[in-house]
Amino acid sequence: MNQVMTERRLRQETREYRGTGGTSEEGRSLGFEPAFLDTETDLIHASCFADGRPAPFHLLDGLPHELVLARGLDDRVVTVKASVISGFVRHGRFYTRDEAASLASAEPPCLTFA
């Protein structure tokens, strides 16, 4: 059974995927943007701040109301549906963290010239 998605779970995933290419910071250079997939509807939702601006990391606050199960006293999203998973979008396609990490390990590193 899937667990509900929380900020705590997002932090745990980030720790687990650090160094693999499966985090927002590491995937950015490969064109991966943080996003969420609702596996019930197959709809992809970009990670956004509550005001709709794109977030550079996974953030629950910008997800649609229909995915939100609970909010805190400060109105921040605390929990979303268990059908929501974190991952990335690149060229319009959703990638799980595992898929992004796998691609990151296969991609040649970018070269920087002085």
C-alpha atoms as a PDB file:
ATOM      1  CA  MET A   1       0.000   0.000   0.000  1.00  0.00           C
ATOM      2  CA  ASN A   2       1.278   3.475  -0.880  1.00  0.00           C
ATOM      3  CA  GLN A   3       2.067   5.967   1.847  1.00  0.00           C
ATOM      4  CA  VAL A   4       0.598   9.444   1.707  1.00  0.00           C
ATOM      5  CA  MET A   5       3.021  12.094   0.488  1.00  0.00           C
ATOM      6  CA  THR A   6       4.288  14.512   3.132  1.00  0.00           C
ATOM      7  CA  GLU A   7       7.129  17.025   3.423  1.00  0.00           C
ATOM      8  CA  ARG A   8       8.861  14.545   5.720  1.00  0.00           C
ATOM      9  CA  ARG A   9       8.654  11.846   3.065  1.00  0.00           C
ATOM     10  CA  LEU A  10      10.062  14.270   0.468  1.00  0.00           C
ATOM     11  CA  ARG A  11      13.051  15.000   2.741  1.00  0.00           C
ATOM     12  CA  GLN A  12      13.565  11.256   3.234  1.00  0.00           C
ATOM     13  CA  GLU A  13      13.510  10.645  -0.536  1.00  0.00           C
ATOM     14  CA  THR A  14      16.022  13.447  -1.071  1.00  0.00           C
ATOM     15  CA  ARG A  15      18.387  11.861   1.459  1.00  0.00           C
ATOM     16  CA  GLU A  16      17.959   8.430  -0.150  1.00  0.00           C
ATOM     17  CA  TYR A  17      18.632   9.689  -3.694  1.00  0.00           C
ATOM     18  CA  ARG A  18      21.439  12.151  -2.892  1.00  0.00           C
ATOM     19  CA  GLY A  19      24.431  11.420  -5.115  1.00  0.00           C
ATOM     20  CA  THR A  20      22.431   9.437  -7.678  1.00  0.00           C
ATOM     21  CA  GLY A  21      20.978  12.189  -9.873  1.00  0.00           C
ATOM     22  CA  GLY A  22      17.535  11.595  -8.369  1.00  0.00           C
ATOM     23  CA  THR A  23      17.324  14.912  -6.517  1.00  0.00           C
ATOM     24  CA  SER A  24      16.184  18.297  -7.783  1.00  0.00           C
ATOM     25  CA  GLU A  25      19.618  19.859  -7.397  1.00  0.00           C
ATOM     26  CA  GLU A  26      21.443  17.058  -9.196  1.00  0.00           C
ATOM     27  CA  GLY A  27      18.925  16.597 -11.984  1.00  0.00           C
ATOM     28  CA  ARG A  28      18.674  20.260 -12.943  1.00  0.00           C
ATOM     29  CA  SER A  29      21.832  20.185 -15.092  1.00  0.00           C
ATOM     30  CA  LEU A  30      20.298  17.327 -17.095  1.00  0.00           C
ATOM     31  CA  GLY A  31      17.081  19.237 -17.756  1.00  0.00           C
ATOM     32  CA  PHE A  32      14.970  17.570 -15.044  1.00  0.00           C
ATOM     33  CA  GLU A  33      12.408  19.814 -13.349  1.00  0.00           C
ATOM     34  CA  PRO A  34      10.807  18.683 -10.052  1.00  0.00           C
ATOM     35  CA  ALA A  35       7.256  17.444 -10.501  1.00  0.00           C
ATOM     36  CA  PHE A  36       4.605  15.114  -9.145  1.00  0.00           C
ATOM     37  CA  LEU A  37       2.517  12.457 -10.853  1.00  0.00           C
ATOM     38  CA  ASP A  38      -0.969  11.538  -9.685  1.00  0.00           C
ATOM     39  CA  THR A  39      -0.973   7.840 -10.530  1.00  0.00           C
ATOM     40  CA  GLU A  40      -4.792   7.710 -10.376  1.00  0.00           C
ATOM     41  CA  THR A  41      -5.248  10.237 -13.170  1.00  0.00           C
ATOM     42  CA  ASP A  42      -1.795  10.149 -14.828  1.00  0.00           C
ATOM     43  CA  LEU A  43      -1.711  13.947 -14.542  1.00  0.00           C
ATOM     44  CA  ILE A  44       1.685  15.563 -14.062  1.00  0.00           C
ATOM     45  CA  HIS A  45       1.941  18.601 -11.788  1.00  0.00           C
ATOM     46  CA  ALA A  46       5.019  20.811 -11.773  1.00  0.00           C
ATOM     47  CA  SER A  47       6.393  21.584  -8.343  1.00  0.00           C
ATOM     48  CA  CYS A  48       5.269  25.113  -7.495  1.00  0.00           C
ATOM     49  CA  PHE A  49       5.110  27.555  -4.642  1.00  0.00           C
ATOM     50  CA  ALA A  50       1.617  28.273  -3.295  1.00  0.00           C
ATOM     51  CA  ASP A  51       1.399  31.372  -5.534  1.00  0.00           C
ATOM     52  CA  GLY A  52       2.015  29.286  -8.663  1.00  0.00           C
ATOM     53  CA  ARG A  53       5.655  30.188  -9.301  1.00  0.00           C
ATOM     54  CA  PRO A  54       7.791  27.188 -10.305  1.00  0.00           C
ATOM     55  CA  ALA A  55       9.755  25.767  -7.373  1.00  0.00           C
ATOM     56  CA  PRO A  56      13.354  24.600  -7.872  1.00  0.00           C
ATOM     57  CA  PHE A  57      12.724  21.631  -5.559  1.00  0.00           C
ATOM     58  CA  HIS A  58       9.831  19.355  -4.602  1.00  0.00           C
ATOM     59  CA  LEU A  59       7.191  21.354  -2.734  1.00  0.00           C
ATOM     60  CA  LEU A  60       3.638  20.268  -1.916  1.00  0.00           C
ATOM     61  CA  ASP A  61       2.173  23.765  -1.502  1.00  0.00           C
ATOM     62  CA  GLY A  62       1.443  24.332  -5.193  1.00  0.00           C
ATOM     63  CA  LEU A  63      -0.437  21.082  -5.816  1.00  0.00           C
ATOM     64  CA  PRO A  64      -4.126  21.299  -6.821  1.00  0.00           C
ATOM     65  CA  HIS A  65      -6.718  21.324  -4.027  1.00  0.00           C
ATOM     66  CA  GLU A  66      -8.146  17.965  -5.109  1.00  0.00           C
ATOM     67  CA  LEU A  67      -4.869  16.252  -4.197  1.00  0.00           C
ATOM     68  CA  VAL A  68      -4.563  17.838  -0.759  1.00  0.00           C
ATOM     69  CA  LEU A  69      -5.660  15.792   2.253  1.00  0.00           C
ATOM     70  CA  ALA A  70      -4.537  18.119   5.055  1.00  0.00           C
ATOM     71  CA  ARG A  71      -3.193  21.613   5.651  1.00  0.00           C
ATOM     72  CA  GLY A  72      -1.424  23.027   8.679  1.00  0.00           C
ATOM     73  CA  LEU A  73      -2.560  25.994  10.742  1.00  0.00           C
ATOM     74  CA  ASP A  74      -0.401  28.177   8.480  1.00  0.00           C
ATOM     75  CA  ASP A  75      -2.378  26.851   5.443  1.00  0.00           C
ATOM     76  CA  ARG A  76       0.684  25.013   4.087  1.00  0.00           C
ATOM     77  CA  VAL A  77       0.028  21.593   2.596  1.00  0.00           C
ATOM     78  CA  VAL A  78       0.858  18.861   5.093  1.00  0.00           C
ATOM     79  CA  THR A  79      -0.372  15.717   3.315  1.00  0.00           C
ATOM     80  CA  VAL A  80      -1.471  14.797  -0.202  1.00  0.00           C
ATOM     81  CA  LYS A  81      -3.064  11.662  -1.609  1.00  0.00           C
ATOM     82  CA  ALA A  82      -1.101   8.409  -1.599  1.00  0.00           C
ATOM     83  CA  SER A  83      -1.490   8.253  -5.385  1.00  0.00           C
ATOM     84  CA  VAL A  84       0.914  11.206  -5.723  1.00  0.00           C
ATOM     85  CA  ILE A  85       4.583  10.387  -6.323  1.00  0.00           C
ATOM     86  CA  SER A  86       7.537  12.715  -6.683  1.00  0.00           C
ATOM     87  CA  GLY A  87       9.749  12.745  -9.721  1.00  0.00           C
ATOM     88  CA  PHE A  88      10.750  14.979 -12.583  1.00  0.00           C
ATOM     89  CA  VAL A  89       9.651  16.274 -15.966  1.00  0.00           C
ATOM     90  CA  ARG A  90      12.057  16.469 -18.877  1.00  0.00           C
ATOM     91  CA  HIS A  91      10.932  17.227 -22.437  1.00  0.00           C
ATOM     92  CA  GLY A  92       7.286  16.785 -21.367  1.00  0.00           C
ATOM     93  CA  ARG A  93       7.766  13.280 -19.950  1.00  0.00           C
ATOM     94  CA  PHE A  94       7.516  12.267 -16.290  1.00  0.00           C
ATOM     95  CA  TYR A  95      10.425  10.364 -14.755  1.00  0.00           C
ATOM     96  CA  THR A  96      10.398   8.713 -11.349  1.00  0.00           C
ATOM     97  CA  ARG A  97      13.356   9.393  -9.102  1.00  0.00           C
ATOM     98  CA  ASP A  98      14.707   5.937 -10.000  1.00  0.00           C
ATOM     99  CA  GLU A  99      14.403   6.647 -13.729  1.00  0.00           C
ATOM    100  CA  ALA A 100      16.080  10.046 -13.351  1.00  0.00           C
ATOM    101  CA  ALA A 101      18.920   8.498 -11.348  1.00  0.00           C
ATOM    102  CA  SER A 102      19.366   5.800 -13.981  1.00  0.00           C
ATOM    103  CA  LEU A 103      19.492   8.369 -16.789  1.00  0.00           C
ATOM    104  CA  ALA A 104      21.857  10.576 -14.810  1.00  0.00           C
ATOM    105  CA  SER A 105      24.308   7.713 -14.439  1.00  0.00           C
ATOM    106  CA  ALA A 106      24.160   7.068 -18.198  1.00  0.00           C
ATOM    107  CA  GLU A 107      24.515  10.724 -19.295  1.00  0.00           C
ATOM    108  CA  PRO A 108      28.028  12.000 -19.920  1.00  0.00           C
ATOM    109  CA  PRO A 109      28.991  14.859 -17.586  1.00  0.00           C
ATOM    110  CA  CYS A 110      28.805  18.417 -18.910  1.00  0.00           C
ATOM    111  CA  LEU A 111      32.127  19.977 -19.713  1.00  0.00           C
ATOM    112  CA  THR A 112      32.908  23.516 -18.644  1.00  0.00           C
ATOM    113  CA  PHE A 113      35.483  25.550 -20.532  1.00  0.00           C
ATOM    114  CA  ALA A 114      37.227  28.546 -19.000  1.00  0.00           C
END
